[in-house]
């Protein structure tokens, strides 16, 4: 198969069926496109799926984290420890809340925060730890929970990339004092733009809703409650799409696991790349994207050249990621290259490949074969570690 035969292969492609189209059609024929019955139904179904008491729908994972920080009273003068590594930049919400992001380095293999490295960054101003299930791989929640409890810190779980993954038998989303999900591409569950915050704390749930939107019966009043809301709700259309996707989630995840197995089969023939790692306490991983790590002899520029060669062959791939501490906003806070060596080493050699249910085995073989040819073009060796 050559590029012309393969056609354009996107990085992500939602798994949408007639069930989702019918759900959206029904929502669009309803008398309310916002503030109707569909949104609370989606919230209740999602809370039941994760096994949490409350779920609050939001427009995005970033907005969900912002509202979560506000619900916990975190703002100016506070510090939140987070990872600089990840595809989705949910951590921007820390700055948006007025707090200061304090980064800690990651585990080389899992790409997640390391409790010991987090502990070294705690100061008297630290209020919370934001730990992510990076690219679908669960963080070491036992260690992070013990640390948060010992130091009196709030533990927030970023599950924007990890719906359906399990740590020690429990679904992600069940480990933080509050946990944040995102439903835009490349998530297995999509609703255009949207997200969800889940928690077991009724006070946090009430605060989330208070910061999110006014209730319909408050909108005709000029009297504003004690909190000025962000008006950050989710439409009935998005909720209908998300609810229909949730009903099919296990089916979608199973299809994605088949694609993962096909990738694994073809990646084994290419010594220059390392397939995704799964940690010992991880029961199940549902990858956000199929992330491979190039060997040590590859440089950041050769990684970029491989991504460009894939683009020439109509394959959409991406560098995963530009570490947050190297982006301008955080550079202005004093962070510099060399601050988090593990993050930088991994990010310089990580490539996110197309990962969705519409891929065929021929396309996967073509993607991996194109990477092989590109690695020869850049003159890199085959060392993995």
Protein backbone atom coordinates (compact mmCIF):
# COMPACT_ATOMS: atom_id res chain seq x y z
CA UNK A 1 0.00 0.00 0.00
CA UNK A 2 1.36 3.43 -0.92
CA UNK A 3 0.19 6.83 0.29
CA UNK A 4 -2.31 7.27 -2.55
CA UNK A 5 -3.90 3.90 -1.79
CA UNK A 6 -4.01 4.60 1.94
CA UNK A 7 -5.73 7.97 1.61
CA UNK A 8 -5.50 10.56 4.39
CA UNK A 9 -5.18 8.87 7.79
CA UNK A 10 -6.27 11.26 10.58
CA UNK A 11 -4.85 11.22 14.08
CA UNK A 12 -8.34 10.67 15.49
CA UNK A 13 -11.77 9.92 14.08
CA UNK A 14 -14.85 9.65 16.33
CA UNK A 15 -16.80 6.40 16.49
CA UNK A 16 -20.26 7.75 15.63
CA UNK A 17 -23.20 5.52 14.72
CA UNK A 18 -26.90 5.98 13.96
CA UNK A 19 -27.54 5.76 17.72
CA UNK A 20 -25.67 9.03 18.32
CA UNK A 21 -27.26 10.71 15.31
CA UNK A 22 -30.72 9.72 16.54
CA UNK A 23 -29.97 11.02 20.05
CA UNK A 24 -28.82 14.39 18.70
CA UNK A 25 -31.85 14.56 16.40
CA UNK A 26 -34.16 14.02 19.37
CA UNK A 27 -32.36 16.69 21.40
CA UNK A 28 -32.63 19.21 18.57
CA UNK A 29 -36.39 18.67 18.34
CA UNK A 30 -36.88 19.31 22.08
CA UNK A 31 -38.24 22.65 23.36
CA UNK A 32 -34.98 23.36 25.23
CA UNK A 33 -31.50 23.21 23.70
CA UNK A 34 -30.05 24.11 27.10
CA UNK A 35 -31.33 23.58 30.61
CA UNK A 36 -33.45 20.57 29.68
CA UNK A 37 -33.69 17.06 31.07
CA UNK A 38 -30.92 15.54 28.94
CA UNK A 39 -28.01 17.10 30.80
CA UNK A 40 -28.88 15.83 34.31
CA UNK A 41 -29.56 12.40 32.77
CA UNK A 42 -26.07 12.36 31.25
CA UNK A 43 -24.55 13.51 34.55
CA UNK A 44 -26.35 10.79 36.50
CA UNK A 45 -25.32 8.10 34.02
CA UNK A 46 -21.70 9.22 34.07
CA UNK A 47 -21.57 9.32 37.88
CA UNK A 48 -22.95 5.77 37.94
CA UNK A 49 -20.40 4.62 35.35
CA UNK A 50 -17.41 5.92 37.32
CA UNK A 51 -18.93 4.97 40.67
CA UNK A 52 -18.98 8.48 42.14
CA UNK A 53 -21.81 10.22 43.95
CA UNK A 54 -21.90 13.37 41.81
CA UNK A 55 -21.04 14.40 38.25
CA UNK A 56 -21.08 17.98 36.92
CA UNK A 57 -20.92 18.58 33.16
CA UNK A 58 -18.60 21.32 31.89
CA UNK A 59 -17.53 22.71 28.49
CA UNK A 60 -14.00 21.23 28.59
CA UNK A 61 -11.45 19.53 30.80
CA UNK A 62 -9.60 22.81 31.32
CA UNK A 63 -12.79 24.57 32.42
CA UNK A 64 -13.63 21.58 34.60
CA UNK A 65 -10.32 21.89 36.42
CA UNK A 66 -10.75 25.66 36.77
CA UNK A 67 -14.15 25.18 38.40
CA UNK A 68 -12.70 22.42 40.59
CA UNK A 69 -9.92 24.68 41.87
CA UNK A 70 -12.50 27.40 42.52
CA UNK A 71 -14.71 24.91 44.36
CA UNK A 72 -11.80 24.08 46.68
CA UNK A 73 -11.05 27.79 47.20
CA UNK A 74 -7.67 27.63 45.44
CA UNK A 75 -6.48 30.89 43.93
CA UNK A 76 -3.94 33.69 44.25
CA UNK A 77 -0.98 32.84 46.50
CA UNK A 78 -1.60 29.09 46.31
CA UNK A 79 0.55 26.48 44.59
CA UNK A 80 -0.60 23.35 42.76
CA UNK A 81 1.87 20.62 41.85
CA UNK A 82 1.39 19.16 38.38
CA UNK A 83 3.19 17.39 35.56
CA UNK A 84 4.73 19.34 32.66
CA UNK A 85 4.15 16.34 30.38
CA UNK A 86 0.97 15.54 28.47
CA UNK A 87 -0.94 15.99 25.23
CA UNK A 88 -3.88 17.85 26.73
CA UNK A 89 -2.99 21.05 28.54
CA UNK A 90 -5.53 20.88 31.34
CA UNK A 91 -2.94 22.30 33.74
CA UNK A 92 -3.41 25.76 32.20
CA UNK A 93 -6.41 26.04 34.53
CA UNK A 94 -4.04 26.43 37.48
CA UNK A 95 -2.86 29.76 36.10
CA UNK A 96 -6.38 30.73 35.06
CA UNK A 97 -7.45 30.25 38.70
CA UNK A 98 -4.71 32.65 39.81
CA UNK A 99 -2.60 29.96 41.48
CA UNK A 100 0.99 29.06 40.60
CA UNK A 101 1.76 25.77 38.81
CA UNK A 102 4.69 23.94 40.39
CA UNK A 103 5.92 21.19 38.10
CA UNK A 104 7.44 17.88 39.17
CA UNK A 105 9.19 15.39 36.90
CA UNK A 106 7.71 12.13 35.63
CA UNK A 107 8.47 8.43 35.58
CA UNK A 108 10.46 7.59 32.43
CA UNK A 109 8.35 4.58 31.53
CA UNK A 110 4.80 5.47 32.59
CA UNK A 111 4.92 9.21 31.86
CA UNK A 112 3.08 9.94 35.12
CA UNK A 113 4.03 11.89 38.24
CA UNK A 114 6.34 10.23 40.78
CA UNK A 115 5.19 10.65 44.43
CA UNK A 116 8.76 11.17 45.69
CA UNK A 117 9.38 13.89 43.12
CA UNK A 118 6.07 15.52 44.03
CA UNK A 119 6.97 15.51 47.73
CA UNK A 120 10.23 17.32 46.99
CA UNK A 121 8.24 20.21 45.45
CA UNK A 122 5.85 20.75 48.37
CA UNK A 123 6.12 24.13 50.12
CA UNK A 124 3.99 25.86 52.79
CA UNK A 125 1.95 27.36 49.92
CA UNK A 126 1.07 24.03 48.32
CA UNK A 127 -2.68 23.38 48.39
CA UNK A 128 -3.18 20.56 45.90
CA UNK A 129 -1.62 17.88 43.73
CA UNK A 130 -2.95 17.58 40.17
CA UNK A 131 -1.97 14.13 38.89
CA UNK A 132 -2.82 12.94 35.38
CA UNK A 133 -3.46 9.50 33.95
CA UNK A 134 -1.20 10.41 31.06
CA UNK A 135 -2.22 9.10 27.63
CA UNK A 136 -4.47 6.62 29.39
CA UNK A 137 -1.86 5.17 31.76
CA UNK A 138 -3.01 5.46 35.40
CA UNK A 139 -0.82 7.39 37.82
CA UNK A 140 0.52 5.67 41.00
CA UNK A 141 -2.57 6.51 43.01
CA UNK A 142 -1.71 4.59 46.17
CA UNK A 143 1.46 6.60 46.68
CA UNK A 144 -0.14 9.90 45.67
CA UNK A 145 -3.10 9.38 48.01
CA UNK A 146 -0.81 8.51 50.92
CA UNK A 147 1.27 11.63 50.24
CA UNK A 148 -1.78 13.89 50.00
CA UNK A 149 -3.19 12.51 53.24
CA UNK A 150 0.12 12.84 55.09
CA UNK A 151 0.63 16.46 53.99
CA UNK A 152 -3.00 17.59 54.17
CA UNK A 153 -3.29 18.32 50.44
CA UNK A 154 -6.19 18.14 48.01
CA UNK A 155 -5.72 15.44 45.37
CA UNK A 156 -7.20 16.24 41.95
CA UNK A 157 -7.26 13.57 39.26
CA UNK A 158 -6.84 14.54 35.61
CA UNK A 159 -8.52 11.76 33.63
CA UNK A 160 -8.93 13.79 30.44
CA UNK A 161 -6.89 11.21 28.52
CA UNK A 162 -7.85 8.01 30.27
CA UNK A 163 -11.55 7.12 30.35
CA UNK A 164 -11.99 3.38 30.95
CA UNK A 165 -8.50 2.67 32.29
CA UNK A 166 -8.15 0.85 35.62
CA UNK A 167 -5.66 0.97 38.49
CA UNK A 168 -5.69 -1.99 40.91
CA UNK A 169 -9.10 -2.95 39.55
CA UNK A 170 -10.75 0.47 39.96
CA UNK A 171 -11.71 2.83 37.15
CA UNK A 172 -9.80 6.08 36.72
CA UNK A 173 -11.91 8.93 37.99
CA UNK A 174 -12.36 7.23 41.35
CA UNK A 175 -9.07 8.31 42.97
CA UNK A 176 -9.12 12.10 43.33
CA UNK A 177 -11.06 14.25 45.76
CA UNK A 178 -12.42 15.42 42.42
CA UNK A 179 -11.66 13.97 39.01
CA UNK A 180 -11.83 15.70 35.63
CA UNK A 181 -12.72 14.18 32.23
CA UNK A 182 -12.72 15.68 28.74
CA UNK A 183 -14.93 14.63 25.81
CA UNK A 184 -13.33 16.20 22.76
CA UNK A 185 -11.14 14.37 20.27
CA UNK A 186 -9.14 12.15 20.50
CA UNK A 187 -11.13 10.82 23.48
CA UNK A 188 -12.99 7.53 22.94
CA UNK A 189 -16.12 9.34 24.22
CA UNK A 190 -16.75 12.55 22.30
CA UNK A 191 -19.48 15.17 22.32
CA UNK A 192 -17.80 17.88 20.23
CA UNK A 193 -16.54 19.90 23.17
CA UNK A 194 -17.30 19.02 26.75
CA UNK A 195 -16.17 17.41 29.95
CA UNK A 196 -17.24 16.18 33.37
CA UNK A 197 -16.08 16.59 36.97
CA UNK A 198 -16.90 13.79 39.40
CA UNK A 199 -16.66 13.75 43.19
CA UNK A 200 -18.12 12.13 46.31
CA UNK A 201 -18.12 15.41 48.27
CA UNK A 202 -21.53 17.08 48.24
CA UNK A 203 -20.03 20.46 49.19
CA UNK A 204 -17.64 20.31 46.23
CA UNK A 205 -20.47 19.29 43.89
CA UNK A 206 -22.63 22.19 45.07
CA UNK A 207 -19.74 24.62 44.65
CA UNK A 208 -19.02 23.29 41.15
CA UNK A 209 -22.60 23.89 40.10
CA UNK A 210 -22.63 27.32 41.73
CA UNK A 211 -19.50 28.36 39.83
CA UNK A 212 -20.72 26.78 36.59
CA UNK A 213 -24.13 28.38 35.87
CA UNK A 214 -27.18 30.08 37.27
CA UNK A 215 -30.22 27.86 37.48
CA UNK A 216 -33.02 28.71 35.07
CA UNK A 217 -35.20 30.06 37.89
CA UNK A 218 -32.42 32.52 38.83
CA UNK A 219 -31.94 34.04 35.40
CA UNK A 220 -34.91 36.41 35.55
CA UNK A 221 -33.63 37.95 38.76
CA UNK A 222 -31.24 40.87 38.98
CA UNK A 223 -30.09 39.50 42.32
CA UNK A 224 -26.85 37.55 41.89
CA UNK A 225 -26.00 34.80 44.31
CA UNK A 226 -22.83 34.82 46.41
CA UNK A 227 -20.83 33.50 43.46
CA UNK A 228 -20.77 35.02 40.00
CA UNK A 229 -20.90 31.97 37.70
CA UNK A 230 -18.78 31.43 34.61
CA UNK A 231 -21.87 30.40 32.60
CA UNK A 232 -19.93 27.30 31.61
CA UNK A 233 -22.69 24.81 30.97
CA UNK A 234 -23.12 22.04 28.42
CA UNK A 235 -25.87 22.14 25.79
CA UNK A 236 -28.57 19.52 25.49
CA UNK A 237 -27.15 18.59 22.08
CA UNK A 238 -23.68 17.87 23.46
CA UNK A 239 -25.19 16.00 26.42
CA UNK A 240 -27.30 13.83 24.11
CA UNK A 241 -24.24 12.94 22.03
CA UNK A 242 -22.16 12.24 25.14
CA UNK A 243 -24.88 10.12 26.76
CA UNK A 244 -25.26 8.02 23.59
CA UNK A 245 -21.49 7.56 23.42
CA UNK A 246 -21.40 6.54 27.08
CA UNK A 247 -23.94 3.82 26.36
CA UNK A 248 -21.58 2.45 23.69
CA UNK A 249 -18.33 3.10 25.55
CA UNK A 250 -17.34 -0.51 26.20
CA UNK A 251 -17.96 -1.35 22.55
CA UNK A 252 -15.82 1.59 21.44
CA UNK A 253 -13.01 0.71 23.85
CA UNK A 254 -13.04 -2.92 22.69
CA UNK A 255 -12.66 -1.79 19.08
CA UNK A 256 -9.77 0.47 20.06
CA UNK A 257 -8.09 -2.42 21.87
CA UNK A 258 -8.18 -4.38 18.60
CA UNK A 259 -6.39 -1.48 16.88
CA UNK A 260 -3.84 -1.49 19.72
CA UNK A 261 -3.15 -5.20 19.13
CA UNK A 262 -2.67 -4.61 15.41
CA UNK A 263 -0.20 -1.81 16.13
CA UNK A 264 1.66 -4.03 18.59
CA UNK A 265 1.94 -6.76 15.95
CA UNK A 266 3.59 -4.43 13.41
CA UNK A 267 5.66 -2.38 15.85
CA UNK A 268 7.48 -5.55 16.93
CA UNK A 269 9.18 -5.66 13.53
CA UNK A 270 10.71 -2.20 14.03
CA UNK A 271 13.54 -2.21 16.57
CA UNK A 272 13.84 1.57 16.47
CA UNK A 273 10.64 2.24 18.41
CA UNK A 274 9.29 1.13 21.78
CA UNK A 275 5.59 0.34 22.10
CA UNK A 276 3.61 1.78 25.04
CA UNK A 277 4.55 0.64 28.56
CA UNK A 278 2.06 -0.73 31.13
CA UNK A 279 2.96 -0.49 34.83
CA UNK A 280 2.65 -3.39 37.33
CA UNK A 281 -0.29 -1.90 39.29
CA UNK A 282 -2.25 -1.10 36.15
CA UNK A 283 -5.18 -3.43 35.54
CA UNK A 284 -6.21 -2.01 32.18
CA UNK A 285 -5.07 0.80 29.91
CA UNK A 286 -7.21 2.41 27.23
CA UNK A 287 -4.81 4.57 25.28
CA UNK A 288 -5.71 8.12 24.31
CA UNK A 289 -3.37 7.90 21.29
CA UNK A 290 -0.97 5.17 20.22
CA UNK A 291 2.24 6.60 21.61
CA UNK A 292 5.62 5.18 20.61
CA UNK A 293 9.06 6.17 21.88
CA UNK A 294 11.97 6.49 19.50
CA UNK A 295 15.40 5.14 20.40
CA UNK A 296 18.08 7.20 22.16
CA UNK A 297 19.96 7.73 18.91
CA UNK A 298 17.05 9.75 17.60
CA UNK A 299 17.12 13.48 18.28
CA UNK A 300 14.23 15.87 18.63
CA UNK A 301 14.89 17.12 15.09
CA UNK A 302 14.89 13.58 13.70
CA UNK A 303 11.59 12.94 15.53
CA UNK A 304 10.18 16.04 13.86
CA UNK A 305 11.48 14.86 10.49
CA UNK A 306 9.68 11.53 10.95
CA UNK A 307 6.42 13.35 11.74
CA UNK A 308 6.94 15.45 8.59
CA UNK A 309 7.64 12.34 6.47
CA UNK A 310 4.40 10.81 7.76
CA UNK A 311 2.56 14.02 6.82
CA UNK A 312 3.98 13.80 3.27
CA UNK A 313 2.38 10.35 3.05
CA UNK A 314 -0.95 11.76 4.32
CA UNK A 315 -0.58 10.30 7.79
CA UNK A 316 -1.41 12.72 10.63
CA UNK A 317 0.98 12.18 13.53
CA UNK A 318 2.08 14.51 16.31
CA UNK A 319 4.90 15.16 18.73
CA UNK A 320 3.76 14.19 22.24
CA UNK A 321 4.32 16.74 23.64
CA UNK A 322 5.78 20.22 23.99
CA UNK A 323 6.42 20.17 27.75
CA UNK A 324 4.49 22.87 29.56
CA UNK A 325 7.57 24.28 31.28
CA UNK A 326 9.05 25.10 27.86
CA UNK A 327 6.01 27.05 26.67
CA UNK A 328 6.13 30.84 26.83
CA UNK A 329 3.66 31.35 29.67
CA UNK A 330 5.66 29.07 31.97
CA UNK A 331 8.97 30.32 30.65
CA UNK A 332 7.84 33.70 31.94
CA UNK A 333 7.31 32.11 35.37
CA UNK A 334 10.99 31.17 35.45
CA UNK A 335 11.04 27.63 34.06
CA UNK A 336 13.84 26.68 31.65
CA UNK A 337 15.02 23.75 29.53
CA UNK A 338 16.92 21.39 31.78
CA UNK A 339 14.56 21.78 34.73
CA UNK A 340 12.84 18.42 34.16
CA UNK A 341 15.24 16.14 32.34
CA UNK A 342 13.07 13.02 32.21
CA UNK A 343 10.13 14.93 30.76
CA UNK A 344 12.37 16.54 28.16
CA UNK A 345 14.05 13.28 27.18
CA UNK A 346 10.74 11.46 26.73
CA UNK A 347 9.00 14.37 24.97
CA UNK A 348 11.85 14.79 22.49
CA UNK A 349 11.36 11.23 21.22
CA UNK A 350 7.63 10.51 21.60
CA UNK A 351 5.37 10.27 18.56
CA UNK A 352 1.58 10.00 18.73
CA UNK A 353 0.26 7.88 15.88
CA UNK A 354 -3.29 7.72 14.51
CA UNK A 355 -5.51 5.78 16.90
CA UNK A 356 -9.22 5.23 16.29
CA UNK A 357 -11.69 2.50 15.42
CA UNK A 358 -11.73 3.18 11.67
CA UNK A 359 -8.13 2.14 11.04
CA UNK A 360 -7.49 -0.98 8.99
CA UNK A 361 -4.56 -3.37 9.38
CA UNK A 362 -3.24 -2.30 5.98
CA UNK A 363 -3.21 1.31 7.14
CA UNK A 364 -1.41 0.41 10.38
CA UNK A 365 1.17 -1.59 8.42
CA UNK A 366 1.62 1.42 6.13
CA UNK A 367 2.04 3.83 9.08
CA UNK A 368 4.70 1.69 10.76
CA UNK A 369 6.43 1.01 7.44
CA UNK A 370 6.54 4.73 6.67
CA UNK A 371 8.13 5.35 10.09
CA UNK A 372 10.78 2.73 9.31
CA UNK A 373 11.63 4.40 6.00
CA UNK A 374 11.67 7.83 7.65
CA UNK A 375 14.07 6.63 10.36
CA UNK A 376 16.49 5.48 7.66
CA UNK A 377 16.17 8.87 5.94
CA UNK A 378 17.20 10.71 9.12
CA UNK A 379 20.10 8.30 9.68
CA UNK A 380 19.14 7.27 13.19
CA UNK A 381 20.14 4.00 14.77
CA UNK A 382 17.92 1.41 16.35
CA UNK A 383 18.72 1.69 20.07
CA UNK A 384 15.46 1.78 22.01
CA UNK A 385 16.53 2.86 25.46
